[in-house]
């Protein structure tokens, strides 16, 4: 692998890891918001449903990114 190719791969890997970190933080933050909302007696069900849907989408993105970081064992 040439130095340019290796630098590109390393940069791409760092960008993916940063994106993964960002998604995990947002997922954890949503978890906290959802937990607080569920304790409220005047709960906004529609807002709660949207937040849960967003949290699930984040989890899916996290899973896809994580699986992309794992080397293909069959290769």
C-alpha atoms as a PDB file:
ATOM      1  CA  UNK A   1       0.000   0.000   0.000  1.00  0.00           C
ATOM      2  CA  UNK A   2       1.369   3.432  -0.887  1.00  0.00           C
ATOM      3  CA  UNK A   3       1.678   6.183   1.684  1.00  0.00           C
ATOM      4  CA  UNK A   4      -1.126   8.179   0.010  1.00  0.00           C
ATOM      5  CA  UNK A   5      -3.452   5.186   0.033  1.00  0.00           C
ATOM      6  CA  UNK A   6      -2.587   4.395   3.631  1.00  0.00           C
ATOM      7  CA  UNK A   7      -3.196   8.024   4.656  1.00  0.00           C
ATOM      8  CA  UNK A   8      -6.560   7.974   2.877  1.00  0.00           C
ATOM      9  CA  UNK A   9      -7.544   4.724   4.633  1.00  0.00           C
ATOM     10  CA  UNK A  10      -6.462   6.096   8.013  1.00  0.00           C
ATOM     11  CA  UNK A  11      -8.358   9.340   7.443  1.00  0.00           C
ATOM     12  CA  UNK A  12     -11.462   7.442   6.395  1.00  0.00           C
ATOM     13  CA  UNK A  13     -11.206   5.197   9.454  1.00  0.00           C
ATOM     14  CA  UNK A  14     -10.850   8.187  11.771  1.00  0.00           C
ATOM     15  CA  UNK A  15     -13.875   9.852  10.171  1.00  0.00           C
ATOM     16  CA  UNK A  16     -15.946   6.693  10.652  1.00  0.00           C
ATOM     17  CA  UNK A  17     -14.859   6.387  14.273  1.00  0.00           C
ATOM     18  CA  UNK A  18     -15.726  10.032  14.927  1.00  0.00           C
ATOM     19  CA  UNK A  19     -19.138   9.554  13.295  1.00  0.00           C
ATOM     20  CA  UNK A  20     -19.694   6.451  15.412  1.00  0.00           C
ATOM     21  CA  UNK A  21     -18.761   8.337  18.572  1.00  0.00           C
ATOM     22  CA  UNK A  22     -21.113  11.161  17.641  1.00  0.00           C
ATOM     23  CA  UNK A  23     -24.007   8.759  16.973  1.00  0.00           C
ATOM     24  CA  UNK A  24     -23.429   6.982  20.293  1.00  0.00           C
ATOM     25  CA  UNK A  25     -23.497  10.288  22.167  1.00  0.00           C
ATOM     26  CA  UNK A  26     -26.717  11.335  20.462  1.00  0.00           C
ATOM     27  CA  UNK A  27     -28.247   7.910  21.173  1.00  0.00           C
ATOM     28  CA  UNK A  28     -27.316   8.153  24.863  1.00  0.00           C
ATOM     29  CA  UNK A  29     -28.658  11.715  25.062  1.00  0.00           C
ATOM     30  CA  UNK A  30     -31.949  10.622  23.522  1.00  0.00           C
ATOM     31  CA  UNK A  31     -32.132   7.826  26.058  1.00  0.00           C
ATOM     32  CA  UNK A  32     -31.898  10.415  28.847  1.00  0.00           C
ATOM     33  CA  UNK A  33     -34.509  12.692  27.268  1.00  0.00           C
ATOM     34  CA  UNK A  34     -36.919   9.794  26.741  1.00  0.00           C
ATOM     35  CA  UNK A  35     -36.485   8.639  30.334  1.00  0.00           C
ATOM     36  CA  UNK A  36     -37.231  12.136  31.650  1.00  0.00           C
ATOM     37  CA  UNK A  37     -40.267  12.522  29.396  1.00  0.00           C
ATOM     38  CA  UNK A  38     -41.697   9.204  30.555  1.00  0.00           C
ATOM     39  CA  UNK A  39     -41.653  10.463  34.151  1.00  0.00           C
ATOM     40  CA  UNK A  40     -43.732  13.514  33.205  1.00  0.00           C
ATOM     41  CA  UNK A  41     -47.445  13.109  33.895  1.00  0.00           C
ATOM     42  CA  UNK A  42     -48.261  15.486  31.048  1.00  0.00           C
ATOM     43  CA  UNK A  43     -46.377  13.381  28.521  1.00  0.00           C
ATOM     44  CA  UNK A  44     -46.507  14.323  24.848  1.00  0.00           C
ATOM     45  CA  UNK A  45     -47.021  10.898  23.282  1.00  0.00           C
ATOM     46  CA  UNK A  46     -46.321  12.079  19.745  1.00  0.00           C
ATOM     47  CA  UNK A  47     -43.013  13.680  20.754  1.00  0.00           C
ATOM     48  CA  UNK A  48     -42.059  10.578  22.714  1.00  0.00           C
ATOM     49  CA  UNK A  49     -42.859   8.353  19.743  1.00  0.00           C
ATOM     50  CA  UNK A  50     -40.736  10.520  17.427  1.00  0.00           C
ATOM     51  CA  UNK A  51     -37.809  10.472  19.849  1.00  0.00           C
ATOM     52  CA  UNK A  52     -37.994   6.697  20.164  1.00  0.00           C
ATOM     53  CA  UNK A  53     -38.093   6.365  16.377  1.00  0.00           C
ATOM     54  CA  UNK A  54     -35.033   8.635  16.073  1.00  0.00           C
ATOM     55  CA  UNK A  55     -33.250   6.589  18.742  1.00  0.00           C
ATOM     56  CA  UNK A  56     -33.970   3.381  16.814  1.00  0.00           C
ATOM     57  CA  UNK A  57     -32.675   4.935  13.578  1.00  0.00           C
ATOM     58  CA  UNK A  58     -29.495   5.952  15.397  1.00  0.00           C
ATOM     59  CA  UNK A  59     -29.070   2.421  16.734  1.00  0.00           C
ATOM     60  CA  UNK A  60     -29.381   1.058  13.190  1.00  0.00           C
ATOM     61  CA  UNK A  61     -26.753   3.524  11.935  1.00  0.00           C
ATOM     62  CA  UNK A  62     -24.442   2.599  14.809  1.00  0.00           C
ATOM     63  CA  UNK A  63     -24.825  -1.100  14.035  1.00  0.00           C
ATOM     64  CA  UNK A  64     -24.082  -0.557  10.330  1.00  0.00           C
ATOM     65  CA  UNK A  65     -21.013   1.539  11.101  1.00  0.00           C
ATOM     66  CA  UNK A  66     -19.728  -0.974  13.633  1.00  0.00           C
ATOM     67  CA  UNK A  67     -20.166  -3.873  11.233  1.00  0.00           C
ATOM     68  CA  UNK A  68     -18.300  -1.897   8.571  1.00  0.00           C
ATOM     69  CA  UNK A  69     -15.352  -1.491  10.935  1.00  0.00           C
ATOM     70  CA  UNK A  70     -15.043  -5.220  11.596  1.00  0.00           C
ATOM     71  CA  UNK A  71     -12.727  -6.885   9.067  1.00  0.00           C
ATOM     72  CA  UNK A  72     -14.303  -9.473   6.810  1.00  0.00           C
ATOM     73  CA  UNK A  73     -13.111 -12.792   8.219  1.00  0.00           C
ATOM     74  CA  UNK A  74     -13.843 -14.595   4.946  1.00  0.00           C
ATOM     75  CA  UNK A  75     -11.524 -12.343   2.951  1.00  0.00           C
END
